[in-house]
Amino acid sequence: MPTITGFKCVDKSGFPILCDAFGNNVAIRCPSCSTPILVIARKNQRGSDPTHVSTCVACKLRIWIKVYEKKRLLIVHQIKENLSAIDL
């Protein structure tokens, strides 16, 4: 289990994203609508990989993070196909 307290968040282009990382949890400001999204940096948890995405409750954008412990960095990846109202 990585401890990500104080890590910085960027998108895959290197653009900074506001976040609050503590323990193995991180609150990320949604790149689309600015609503907070919770991600857990533990295997098989919400937002930990492309098969366990975290979803914004406001705009339904789906994201996951890649942790780089040595660089103290979190890369936020977006899943381009958003959920439709039918998928809720």
C-alpha atoms as a PDB file:
ATOM      1  CA  MET A   1       0.000   0.000   0.000  1.00  0.00           C
ATOM      2  CA  PRO A   2       1.626   3.278  -1.070  1.00  0.00           C
ATOM      3  CA  THR A   3       1.490   6.259   1.248  1.00  0.00           C
ATOM      4  CA  ILE A   4       0.873   9.260  -0.975  1.00  0.00           C
ATOM      5  CA  THR A   5       0.687  12.069   1.598  1.00  0.00           C
ATOM      6  CA  GLY A   6       1.812  15.319  -0.003  1.00  0.00           C
ATOM      7  CA  PHE A   7       2.179  13.932  -3.530  1.00  0.00           C
ATOM      8  CA  LYS A   8       1.503  16.295  -6.431  1.00  0.00           C
ATOM      9  CA  CYS A   9      -1.069  15.528  -9.147  1.00  0.00           C
ATOM     10  CA  VAL A  10      -0.679  16.177 -12.849  1.00  0.00           C
ATOM     11  CA  ASP A  11      -2.543  15.042 -15.934  1.00  0.00           C
ATOM     12  CA  LYS A  12      -0.764  12.878 -18.497  1.00  0.00           C
ATOM     13  CA  SER A  13       0.480  16.041 -20.257  1.00  0.00           C
ATOM     14  CA  GLY A  14       2.124  17.276 -17.046  1.00  0.00           C
ATOM     15  CA  PHE A  15      -0.437  20.018 -16.320  1.00  0.00           C
ATOM     16  CA  PRO A  16      -0.990  20.402 -12.521  1.00  0.00           C
ATOM     17  CA  ILE A  17      -4.321  19.289 -11.054  1.00  0.00           C
ATOM     18  CA  LEU A  18      -5.447  20.405  -7.606  1.00  0.00           C
ATOM     19  CA  CYS A  19      -5.516  17.526  -5.155  1.00  0.00           C
ATOM     20  CA  ASP A  20      -5.256  16.651  -1.482  1.00  0.00           C
ATOM     21  CA  ALA A  21      -3.321  13.421  -0.967  1.00  0.00           C
ATOM     22  CA  PHE A  22      -3.246  11.863   2.500  1.00  0.00           C
ATOM     23  CA  GLY A  23      -2.389   8.296   3.486  1.00  0.00           C
ATOM     24  CA  ASN A  24      -3.573   6.188   0.573  1.00  0.00           C
ATOM     25  CA  ASN A  25      -6.496   8.502  -0.291  1.00  0.00           C
ATOM     26  CA  VAL A  26      -6.544  11.477  -2.601  1.00  0.00           C
ATOM     27  CA  ALA A  27      -9.259  14.015  -3.352  1.00  0.00           C
ATOM     28  CA  ILE A  28      -8.809  15.329  -6.882  1.00  0.00           C
ATOM     29  CA  ARG A  29     -10.554  18.331  -8.381  1.00  0.00           C
ATOM     30  CA  CYS A  30     -12.409  17.045 -11.433  1.00  0.00           C
ATOM     31  CA  PRO A  31     -10.641  18.363 -14.551  1.00  0.00           C
ATOM     32  CA  SER A  32     -14.031  18.769 -16.212  1.00  0.00           C
ATOM     33  CA  CYS A  33     -16.299  20.393 -13.603  1.00  0.00           C
ATOM     34  CA  SER A  34     -14.178  20.990 -10.431  1.00  0.00           C
ATOM     35  CA  THR A  35     -16.193  18.621  -8.203  1.00  0.00           C
ATOM     36  CA  PRO A  36     -13.981  16.613  -5.785  1.00  0.00           C
ATOM     37  CA  ILE A  37     -13.367  12.983  -6.775  1.00  0.00           C
ATOM     38  CA  LEU A  38     -12.076  10.439  -4.262  1.00  0.00           C
ATOM     39  CA  VAL A  39      -9.381   8.025  -5.406  1.00  0.00           C
ATOM     40  CA  ILE A  40      -7.761   5.279  -3.302  1.00  0.00           C
ATOM     41  CA  ALA A  41      -4.181   4.310  -4.129  1.00  0.00           C
ATOM     42  CA  ARG A  42      -4.569   0.650  -3.180  1.00  0.00           C
ATOM     43  CA  LYS A  43      -4.806  -2.332  -5.479  1.00  0.00           C
ATOM     44  CA  ASN A  44      -8.362  -3.019  -6.716  1.00  0.00           C
ATOM     45  CA  GLN A  45      -9.801   0.129  -5.104  1.00  0.00           C
ATOM     46  CA  ARG A  46     -11.681   3.002  -6.704  1.00  0.00           C
ATOM     47  CA  GLY A  47      -9.443   4.909  -9.100  1.00  0.00           C
ATOM     48  CA  SER A  48      -6.448   2.613  -8.677  1.00  0.00           C
ATOM     49  CA  ASP A  49      -6.260   1.422 -12.306  1.00  0.00           C
ATOM     50  CA  PRO A  50      -8.184   1.507 -15.607  1.00  0.00           C
ATOM     51  CA  THR A  51     -10.458  -1.353 -14.532  1.00  0.00           C
ATOM     52  CA  HIS A  52     -11.297   0.248 -11.155  1.00  0.00           C
ATOM     53  CA  VAL A  53     -12.078   3.836 -12.126  1.00  0.00           C
ATOM     54  CA  SER A  54     -13.452   6.575  -9.907  1.00  0.00           C
ATOM     55  CA  THR A  55     -16.418   8.530 -11.272  1.00  0.00           C
ATOM     56  CA  CYS A  56     -17.263  12.208 -10.760  1.00  0.00           C
ATOM     57  CA  VAL A  57     -20.730  12.445  -9.203  1.00  0.00           C
ATOM     58  CA  ALA A  58     -21.500  15.667 -11.101  1.00  0.00           C
ATOM     59  CA  CYS A  59     -20.330  15.177 -14.693  1.00  0.00           C
ATOM     60  CA  LYS A  60     -19.648  11.383 -14.690  1.00  0.00           C
ATOM     61  CA  LEU A  61     -16.027  11.792 -15.880  1.00  0.00           C
ATOM     62  CA  ARG A  62     -14.113   8.617 -15.027  1.00  0.00           C
ATOM     63  CA  ILE A  63     -10.505   8.791 -13.836  1.00  0.00           C
ATOM     64  CA  TRP A  64      -7.745   6.618 -12.392  1.00  0.00           C
ATOM     65  CA  ILE A  65      -4.264   7.391 -11.078  1.00  0.00           C
ATOM     66  CA  LYS A  66      -0.771   6.058 -11.602  1.00  0.00           C
ATOM     67  CA  VAL A  67       1.500   6.444  -8.561  1.00  0.00           C
ATOM     68  CA  TYR A  68       5.196   7.298  -8.958  1.00  0.00           C
ATOM     69  CA  GLU A  69       6.527   6.917  -5.417  1.00  0.00           C
ATOM     70  CA  LYS A  70      10.134   7.979  -6.073  1.00  0.00           C
ATOM     71  CA  LYS A  71       8.999  11.179  -7.812  1.00  0.00           C
ATOM     72  CA  ARG A  72       6.182  11.763  -5.250  1.00  0.00           C
ATOM     73  CA  LEU A  73       3.834  12.227  -8.191  1.00  0.00           C
ATOM     74  CA  LEU A  74       0.347  11.080  -9.192  1.00  0.00           C
ATOM     75  CA  ILE A  75      -0.590  10.983 -12.871  1.00  0.00           C
ATOM     76  CA  VAL A  76      -4.346  11.384 -13.372  1.00  0.00           C
ATOM     77  CA  HIS A  77      -5.718   9.537 -16.404  1.00  0.00           C
ATOM     78  CA  GLN A  78      -9.164  10.136 -17.870  1.00  0.00           C
ATOM     79  CA  ILE A  79     -11.403   7.528 -19.461  1.00  0.00           C
ATOM     80  CA  LYS A  80     -12.803   9.282 -22.516  1.00  0.00           C
ATOM     81  CA  GLU A  81     -16.105   7.380 -22.741  1.00  0.00           C
ATOM     82  CA  ASN A  82     -18.263   8.900 -19.993  1.00  0.00           C
ATOM     83  CA  LEU A  83     -21.276   7.149 -18.518  1.00  0.00           C
ATOM     84  CA  SER A  84     -24.644   8.039 -19.942  1.00  0.00           C
ATOM     85  CA  ALA A  85     -27.762   8.627 -17.854  1.00  0.00           C
ATOM     86  CA  ILE A  86     -28.887   5.088 -18.754  1.00  0.00           C
ATOM     87  CA  ASP A  87     -25.766   3.613 -17.070  1.00  0.00           C
ATOM     88  CA  LEU A  88     -26.662   5.172 -13.719  1.00  0.00           C
END
